[in-house]
Amino acid sequence: MINAIVIVVDVVTAVFLVVFVLLHSGKGSGLSDMFGGGANLSGGTGLEKRLDRMTVISAVVFGLCTFYLAWQWRPA
């Protein structure tokens, strides 16, 4: 039962991770430019910093779920 829950969490975080990475800025433009704001010299807007944080959290959860599933896997 716990493996099924971890698989669902793993798939959901994988989808979130793909979406968050695609929302990140390219060279010189990004999510803030899409909404009319400009990037300042301190590393971007609050929205981009929040996006960075969500991306890292998604990557950590995805990694932990994947390592757990690999640890639980036993060949038949």
PDB file of N, CA and C in Angstrom:
ATOM      1  N   MET A   1       0.818  -1.194   0.000  1.00  0.00           N
ATOM      2  CA  MET A   1       0.000   0.000   0.000  1.00  0.00           C
ATOM      3  C   MET A   1       0.867   1.265   0.000  1.00  0.00           C
ATOM      4  N   ILE A   2       1.914   1.262   0.835  1.00  0.00           N
ATOM      5  CA  ILE A   2       2.777   2.439   0.920  1.00  0.00           C
ATOM      6  C   ILE A   2       3.524   2.656  -0.396  1.00  0.00           C
ATOM      7  N   ASN A   3       3.860   1.553  -1.077  1.00  0.00           N
ATOM      8  CA  ASN A   3       4.556   1.696  -2.365  1.00  0.00           C
ATOM      9  C   ASN A   3       3.661   2.373  -3.402  1.00  0.00           C
ATOM     10  N   ALA A   4       2.370   2.077  -3.375  1.00  0.00           N
ATOM     11  CA  ALA A   4       1.445   2.709  -4.321  1.00  0.00           C
ATOM     12  C   ALA A   4       1.350   4.210  -4.065  1.00  0.00           C
ATOM     13  N   ILE A   5       1.335   4.597  -2.809  1.00  0.00           N
ATOM     14  CA  ILE A   5       1.283   6.022  -2.475  1.00  0.00           C
ATOM     15  C   ILE A   5       2.559   6.721  -2.916  1.00  0.00           C
ATOM     16  N   VAL A   6       3.701   6.073  -2.680  1.00  0.00           N
ATOM     17  CA  VAL A   6       4.983   6.669  -3.069  1.00  0.00           C
ATOM     18  C   VAL A   6       5.087   6.773  -4.593  1.00  0.00           C
ATOM     19  N   ILE A   7       4.552   5.805  -5.317  1.00  0.00           N
ATOM     20  CA  ILE A   7       4.562   5.869  -6.783  1.00  0.00           C
ATOM     21  C   ILE A   7       3.727   7.042  -7.266  1.00  0.00           C
ATOM     22  N   VAL A   8       2.563   7.243  -6.661  1.00  0.00           N
ATOM     23  CA  VAL A   8       1.709   8.375  -7.049  1.00  0.00           C
ATOM     24  C   VAL A   8       2.414   9.698  -6.756  1.00  0.00           C
ATOM     25  N   VAL A   9       3.015   9.818  -5.574  1.00  0.00           N
ATOM     26  CA  VAL A   9       3.746  11.040  -5.226  1.00  0.00           C
ATOM     27  C   VAL A   9       4.912  11.247  -6.188  1.00  0.00           C
ATOM     28  N   ASP A  10       5.596  10.179  -6.558  1.00  0.00           N
ATOM     29  CA  ASP A  10       6.726  10.257  -7.481  1.00  0.00           C
ATOM     30  C   ASP A  10       6.283  10.763  -8.856  1.00  0.00           C
ATOM     31  N   VAL A  11       5.182  10.256  -9.352  1.00  0.00           N
ATOM     32  CA  VAL A  11       4.692  10.680 -10.670  1.00  0.00           C
ATOM     33  C   VAL A  11       4.216  12.133 -10.628  1.00  0.00           C
ATOM     34  N   VAL A  12       3.517  12.508  -9.572  1.00  0.00           N
ATOM     35  CA  VAL A  12       3.025  13.884  -9.459  1.00  0.00           C
ATOM     36  C   VAL A  12       4.190  14.867  -9.354  1.00  0.00           C
ATOM     37  N   THR A  13       5.192  14.540  -8.541  1.00  0.00           N
ATOM     38  CA  THR A  13       6.339  15.439  -8.430  1.00  0.00           C
ATOM     39  C   THR A  13       7.154  15.486  -9.715  1.00  0.00           C
ATOM     40  N   ALA A  14       7.174  14.400 -10.472  1.00  0.00           N
ATOM     41  CA  ALA A  14       7.863  14.423 -11.762  1.00  0.00           C
ATOM     42  C   ALA A  14       7.180  15.390 -12.725  1.00  0.00           C
ATOM     43  N   VAL A  15       5.856  15.389 -12.730  1.00  0.00           N
ATOM     44  CA  VAL A  15       5.109  16.317 -13.586  1.00  0.00           C
ATOM     45  C   VAL A  15       5.345  17.760 -13.134  1.00  0.00           C
ATOM     46  N   PHE A  16       5.281  17.994 -11.810  1.00  0.00           N
ATOM     47  CA  PHE A  16       5.545  19.337 -11.291  1.00  0.00           C
ATOM     48  C   PHE A  16       6.955  19.788 -11.633  1.00  0.00           C
ATOM     49  N   LEU A  17       7.919  18.883 -11.535  1.00  0.00           N
ATOM     50  CA  LEU A  17       9.308  19.228 -11.823  1.00  0.00           C
ATOM     51  C   LEU A  17       9.478  19.634 -13.279  1.00  0.00           C
ATOM     52  N   VAL A  18       8.836  18.922 -14.184  1.00  0.00           N
ATOM     53  CA  VAL A  18       8.897  19.279 -15.605  1.00  0.00           C
ATOM     54  C   VAL A  18       8.280  20.654 -15.833  1.00  0.00           C
ATOM     55  N   VAL A  19       7.129  20.911 -15.233  1.00  0.00           N
ATOM     56  CA  VAL A  19       6.453  22.199 -15.402  1.00  0.00           C
ATOM     57  C   VAL A  19       7.295  23.330 -14.828  1.00  0.00           C
ATOM     58  N   PHE A  20       7.849  23.132 -13.631  1.00  0.00           N
ATOM     59  CA  PHE A  20       8.645  24.187 -13.008  1.00  0.00           C
ATOM     60  C   PHE A  20       9.908  24.486 -13.797  1.00  0.00           C
ATOM     61  N   VAL A  21      10.550  23.465 -14.335  1.00  0.00           N
ATOM     62  CA  VAL A  21      11.759  23.696 -15.136  1.00  0.00           C
ATOM     63  C   VAL A  21      11.407  24.439 -16.423  1.00  0.00           C
ATOM     64  N   LEU A  22      10.289  24.107 -17.022  1.00  0.00           N
ATOM     65  CA  LEU A  22       9.887  24.805 -18.241  1.00  0.00           C
ATOM     66  C   LEU A  22       9.499  26.249 -17.975  1.00  0.00           C
ATOM     67  N   LEU A  23       9.065  26.575 -16.771  1.00  0.00           N
ATOM     68  CA  LEU A  23       8.711  27.948 -16.431  1.00  0.00           C
ATOM     69  C   LEU A  23       9.929  28.819 -16.134  1.00  0.00           C
ATOM     70  N   HIS A  24      11.080  28.199 -15.908  1.00  0.00           N
ATOM     71  CA  HIS A  24      12.282  28.975 -15.601  1.00  0.00           C
ATOM     72  C   HIS A  24      12.707  29.828 -16.777  1.00  0.00           C
ATOM     73  N   SER A  25      13.475  30.847 -16.447  1.00  0.00           N
ATOM     74  CA  SER A  25      13.906  31.794 -17.470  1.00  0.00           C
ATOM     75  C   SER A  25      15.016  31.215 -18.325  1.00  0.00           C
ATOM     76  N   GLY A  26      15.031  31.673 -19.539  1.00  0.00           N
ATOM     77  CA  GLY A  26      16.119  31.337 -20.440  1.00  0.00           C
ATOM     78  C   GLY A  26      17.219  32.355 -20.284  1.00  0.00           C
ATOM     79  N   LYS A  27      17.905  32.658 -21.349  1.00  0.00           N
ATOM     80  CA  LYS A  27      18.985  33.640 -21.289  1.00  0.00           C
ATOM     81  C   LYS A  27      18.400  35.037 -21.402  1.00  0.00           C
ATOM     82  N   GLY A  28      18.371  35.750 -20.305  1.00  0.00           N
ATOM     83  CA  GLY A  28      17.950  37.143 -20.314  1.00  0.00           C
ATOM     84  C   GLY A  28      16.466  37.384 -20.199  1.00  0.00           C
ATOM     85  N   SER A  29      15.645  36.389 -20.305  1.00  0.00           N
ATOM     86  CA  SER A  29      14.208  36.590 -20.150  1.00  0.00           C
ATOM     87  C   SER A  29      13.668  35.482 -19.272  1.00  0.00           C
ATOM     88  N   GLY A  30      12.518  35.723 -18.719  1.00  0.00           N
ATOM     89  CA  GLY A  30      11.984  34.700 -17.844  1.00  0.00           C
ATOM     90  C   GLY A  30      10.538  34.946 -17.494  1.00  0.00           C
ATOM     91  N   LEU A  31      10.159  34.360 -16.410  1.00  0.00           N
ATOM     92  CA  LEU A  31       8.778  34.427 -15.962  1.00  0.00           C
ATOM     93  C   LEU A  31       8.386  35.856 -15.606  1.00  0.00           C
ATOM     94  N   SER A  32       9.324  36.623 -15.062  1.00  0.00           N
ATOM     95  CA  SER A  32       8.994  37.999 -14.696  1.00  0.00           C
ATOM     96  C   SER A  32       8.754  38.857 -15.929  1.00  0.00           C
ATOM     97  N   ASP A  33       9.467  38.615 -17.006  1.00  0.00           N
ATOM     98  CA  ASP A  33       9.245  39.371 -18.237  1.00  0.00           C
ATOM     99  C   ASP A  33       7.891  39.064 -18.856  1.00  0.00           C
ATOM    100  N   MET A  34       7.403  37.863 -18.636  1.00  0.00           N
ATOM    101  CA  MET A  34       6.113  37.476 -19.176  1.00  0.00           C
ATOM    102  C   MET A  34       4.993  38.316 -18.560  1.00  0.00           C
ATOM    103  N   PHE A  35       5.171  38.695 -17.285  1.00  0.00           N
ATOM    104  CA  PHE A  35       4.147  39.456 -16.590  1.00  0.00           C
ATOM    105  C   PHE A  35       4.467  40.943 -16.505  1.00  0.00           C
ATOM    106  N   GLY A  36       5.447  41.400 -17.262  1.00  0.00           N
ATOM    107  CA  GLY A  36       5.713  42.825 -17.355  1.00  0.00           C
ATOM    108  C   GLY A  36       6.764  43.349 -16.416  1.00  0.00           C
ATOM    109  N   GLY A  37       7.339  42.535 -15.582  1.00  0.00           N
ATOM    110  CA  GLY A  37       8.380  42.991 -14.671  1.00  0.00           C
ATOM    111  C   GLY A  37       9.745  42.743 -15.261  1.00  0.00           C
ATOM    112  N   GLY A  38      10.721  43.461 -14.771  1.00  0.00           N
ATOM    113  CA  GLY A  38      12.085  43.263 -15.227  1.00  0.00           C
ATOM    114  C   GLY A  38      12.926  42.647 -14.133  1.00  0.00           C
ATOM    115  N   ALA A  39      13.983  41.972 -14.517  1.00  0.00           N
ATOM    116  CA  ALA A  39      14.881  41.371 -13.538  1.00  0.00           C
ATOM    117  C   ALA A  39      15.862  42.422 -13.046  1.00  0.00           C
ATOM    118  N   ASN A  40      16.046  42.471 -11.744  1.00  0.00           N
ATOM    119  CA  ASN A  40      17.009  43.409 -11.211  1.00  0.00           C
ATOM    120  C   ASN A  40      18.327  42.698 -10.934  1.00  0.00           C
ATOM    121  N   LEU A  41      19.304  43.405 -10.451  1.00  0.00           N
ATOM    122  CA  LEU A  41      20.630  42.842 -10.262  1.00  0.00           C
ATOM    123  C   LEU A  41      20.730  41.910  -9.072  1.00  0.00           C
ATOM    124  N   SER A  42      19.752  41.874  -8.216  1.00  0.00           N
ATOM    125  CA  SER A  42      19.826  41.035  -7.022  1.00  0.00           C
ATOM    126  C   SER A  42      19.395  39.602  -7.282  1.00  0.00           C
ATOM    127  N   GLY A  43      19.205  39.195  -8.502  1.00  0.00           N
ATOM    128  CA  GLY A  43      18.907  37.802  -8.794  1.00  0.00           C
ATOM    129  C   GLY A  43      17.487  37.530  -9.235  1.00  0.00           C
ATOM    130  N   GLY A  44      16.736  38.518  -9.601  1.00  0.00           N
ATOM    131  CA  GLY A  44      15.402  38.275 -10.104  1.00  0.00           C
ATOM    132  C   GLY A  44      14.329  38.745  -9.152  1.00  0.00           C
ATOM    133  N   THR A  45      13.112  38.472  -9.520  1.00  0.00           N
ATOM    134  CA  THR A  45      11.966  38.916  -8.735  1.00  0.00           C
ATOM    135  C   THR A  45      11.609  37.869  -7.689  1.00  0.00           C
ATOM    136  N   GLY A  46      10.685  38.238  -6.840  1.00  0.00           N
ATOM    137  CA  GLY A  46      10.203  37.315  -5.819  1.00  0.00           C
ATOM    138  C   GLY A  46       9.524  36.105  -6.422  1.00  0.00           C
ATOM    139  N   LEU A  47       8.878  36.312  -7.562  1.00  0.00           N
ATOM    140  CA  LEU A  47       8.216  35.200  -8.237  1.00  0.00           C
ATOM    141  C   LEU A  47       9.226  34.172  -8.726  1.00  0.00           C
ATOM    142  N   GLU A  48      10.342  34.635  -9.264  1.00  0.00           N
ATOM    143  CA  GLU A  48      11.366  33.696  -9.734  1.00  0.00           C
ATOM    144  C   GLU A  48      12.052  32.994  -8.577  1.00  0.00           C
ATOM    145  N   LYS A  49      12.241  33.704  -7.460  1.00  0.00           N
ATOM    146  CA  LYS A  49      12.839  33.064  -6.287  1.00  0.00           C
ATOM    147  C   LYS A  49      11.918  31.987  -5.736  1.00  0.00           C
ATOM    148  N   ARG A  50      10.617  32.259  -5.732  1.00  0.00           N
ATOM    149  CA  ARG A  50       9.645  31.259  -5.287  1.00  0.00           C
ATOM    150  C   ARG A  50       9.626  30.065  -6.247  1.00  0.00           C
ATOM    151  N   LEU A  51       9.747  30.330  -7.523  1.00  0.00           N
ATOM    152  CA  LEU A  51       9.803  29.249  -8.507  1.00  0.00           C
ATOM    153  C   LEU A  51      11.057  28.397  -8.309  1.00  0.00           C
ATOM    154  N   ASP A  52      12.181  29.039  -8.014  1.00  0.00           N
ATOM    155  CA  ASP A  52      13.406  28.296  -7.716  1.00  0.00           C
ATOM    156  C   ASP A  52      13.215  27.388  -6.513  1.00  0.00           C
ATOM    157  N   ARG A  53      12.606  27.925  -5.469  1.00  0.00           N
ATOM    158  CA  ARG A  53      12.383  27.153  -4.246  1.00  0.00           C
ATOM    159  C   ARG A  53      11.461  25.965  -4.514  1.00  0.00           C
ATOM    160  N   MET A  54      10.391  26.172  -5.273  1.00  0.00           N
ATOM    161  CA  MET A  54       9.464  25.075  -5.581  1.00  0.00           C
ATOM    162  C   MET A  54      10.137  24.013  -6.443  1.00  0.00           C
ATOM    163  N   THR A  55      11.022  24.440  -7.341  1.00  0.00           N
ATOM    164  CA  THR A  55      11.745  23.495  -8.180  1.00  0.00           C
ATOM    165  C   THR A  55      12.667  22.625  -7.336  1.00  0.00           C
ATOM    166  N   VAL A  56      13.378  23.233  -6.407  1.00  0.00           N
ATOM    167  CA  VAL A  56      14.286  22.471  -5.546  1.00  0.00           C
ATOM    168  C   VAL A  56      13.512  21.511  -4.657  1.00  0.00           C
ATOM    169  N   ILE A  57      12.410  21.960  -4.089  1.00  0.00           N
ATOM    170  CA  ILE A  57      11.599  21.085  -3.237  1.00  0.00           C
ATOM    171  C   ILE A  57      11.053  19.914  -4.045  1.00  0.00           C
ATOM    172  N   SER A  58      10.582  20.178  -5.256  1.00  0.00           N
ATOM    173  CA  SER A  58      10.076  19.098  -6.108  1.00  0.00           C
ATOM    174  C   SER A  58      11.175  18.105  -6.454  1.00  0.00           C
ATOM    175  N   ALA A  59      12.366  18.618  -6.728  1.00  0.00           N
ATOM    176  CA  ALA A  59      13.481  17.734  -7.074  1.00  0.00           C
ATOM    177  C   ALA A  59      13.885  16.861  -5.885  1.00  0.00           C
ATOM    178  N   VAL A  60      13.882  17.430  -4.683  1.00  0.00           N
ATOM    179  CA  VAL A  60      14.241  16.654  -3.491  1.00  0.00           C
ATOM    180  C   VAL A  60      13.195  15.571  -3.213  1.00  0.00           C
ATOM    181  N   VAL A  61      11.919  15.934  -3.290  1.00  0.00           N
ATOM    182  CA  VAL A  61      10.857  14.944  -3.058  1.00  0.00           C
ATOM    183  C   VAL A  61      10.899  13.849  -4.122  1.00  0.00           C
ATOM    184  N   PHE A  62      11.110  14.238  -5.374  1.00  0.00           N
ATOM    185  CA  PHE A  62      11.216  13.251  -6.456  1.00  0.00           C
ATOM    186  C   PHE A  62      12.397  12.314  -6.223  1.00  0.00           C
ATOM    187  N   GLY A  63      13.532  12.876  -5.836  1.00  0.00           N
ATOM    188  CA  GLY A  63      14.711  12.048  -5.584  1.00  0.00           C
ATOM    189  C   GLY A  63      14.503  11.090  -4.430  1.00  0.00           C
ATOM    190  N   LEU A  64      13.915  11.575  -3.339  1.00  0.00           N
ATOM    191  CA  LEU A  64      13.674  10.709  -2.188  1.00  0.00           C
ATOM    192  C   LEU A  64      12.695   9.585  -2.520  1.00  0.00           C
ATOM    193  N   CYS A  65      11.636   9.916  -3.246  1.00  0.00           N
ATOM    194  CA  CYS A  65      10.669   8.876  -3.645  1.00  0.00           C
ATOM    195  C   CYS A  65      11.314   7.845  -4.558  1.00  0.00           C
ATOM    196  N   THR A  66      12.125   8.313  -5.486  1.00  0.00           N
ATOM    197  CA  THR A  66      12.780   7.400  -6.417  1.00  0.00           C
ATOM    198  C   THR A  66      13.772   6.493  -5.690  1.00  0.00           C
ATOM    199  N   PHE A  67      14.550   7.056  -4.771  1.00  0.00           N
ATOM    200  CA  PHE A  67      15.483   6.227  -3.998  1.00  0.00           C
ATOM    201  C   PHE A  67      14.747   5.231  -3.121  1.00  0.00           C
ATOM    202  N   TYR A  68      13.636   5.635  -2.533  1.00  0.00           N
ATOM    203  CA  TYR A  68      12.851   4.713  -1.724  1.00  0.00           C
ATOM    204  C   TYR A  68      12.314   3.556  -2.566  1.00  0.00           C
ATOM    205  N   LEU A  69      11.780   3.888  -3.738  1.00  0.00           N
ATOM    206  CA  LEU A  69      11.239   2.830  -4.602  1.00  0.00           C
ATOM    207  C   LEU A  69      12.338   1.900  -5.098  1.00  0.00           C
ATOM    208  N   ALA A  70      13.512   2.443  -5.380  1.00  0.00           N
ATOM    209  CA  ALA A  70      14.632   1.596  -5.800  1.00  0.00           C
ATOM    210  C   ALA A  70      15.093   0.702  -4.657  1.00  0.00           C
ATOM    211  N   TRP A  71      15.052   1.208  -3.429  1.00  0.00           N
ATOM    212  CA  TRP A  71      15.453   0.430  -2.265  1.00  0.00           C
ATOM    213  C   TRP A  71      14.442  -0.679  -1.979  1.00  0.00           C
ATOM    214  N   GLN A  72      13.165  -0.413  -2.218  1.00  0.00           N
ATOM    215  CA  GLN A  72      12.110  -1.392  -1.957  1.00  0.00           C
ATOM    216  C   GLN A  72      11.975  -2.437  -3.057  1.00  0.00           C
ATOM    217  N   TRP A  73      12.509  -2.168  -4.229  1.00  0.00           N
ATOM    218  CA  TRP A  73      12.334  -3.061  -5.369  1.00  0.00           C
ATOM    219  C   TRP A  73      13.089  -4.354  -5.150  1.00  0.00           C
ATOM    220  N   ARG A  74      12.406  -5.439  -5.359  1.00  0.00           N
ATOM    221  CA  ARG A  74      13.025  -6.762  -5.268  1.00  0.00           C
ATOM    222  C   ARG A  74      12.668  -7.544  -6.514  1.00  0.00           C
ATOM    223  N   PRO A  75      13.670  -8.076  -7.181  1.00  0.00           N
ATOM    224  CA  PRO A  75      13.350  -8.840  -8.405  1.00  0.00           C
ATOM    225  C   PRO A  75      12.537 -10.093  -8.064  1.00  0.00           C
ATOM    226  N   ALA A  76      11.616 -10.408  -8.937  1.00  0.00           N
ATOM    227  CA  ALA A  76      10.731 -11.564  -8.707  1.00  0.00           C
ATOM    228  C   ALA A  76      11.388 -12.852  -9.059  1.00  0.00           C
TER     229      ALA A  76
END
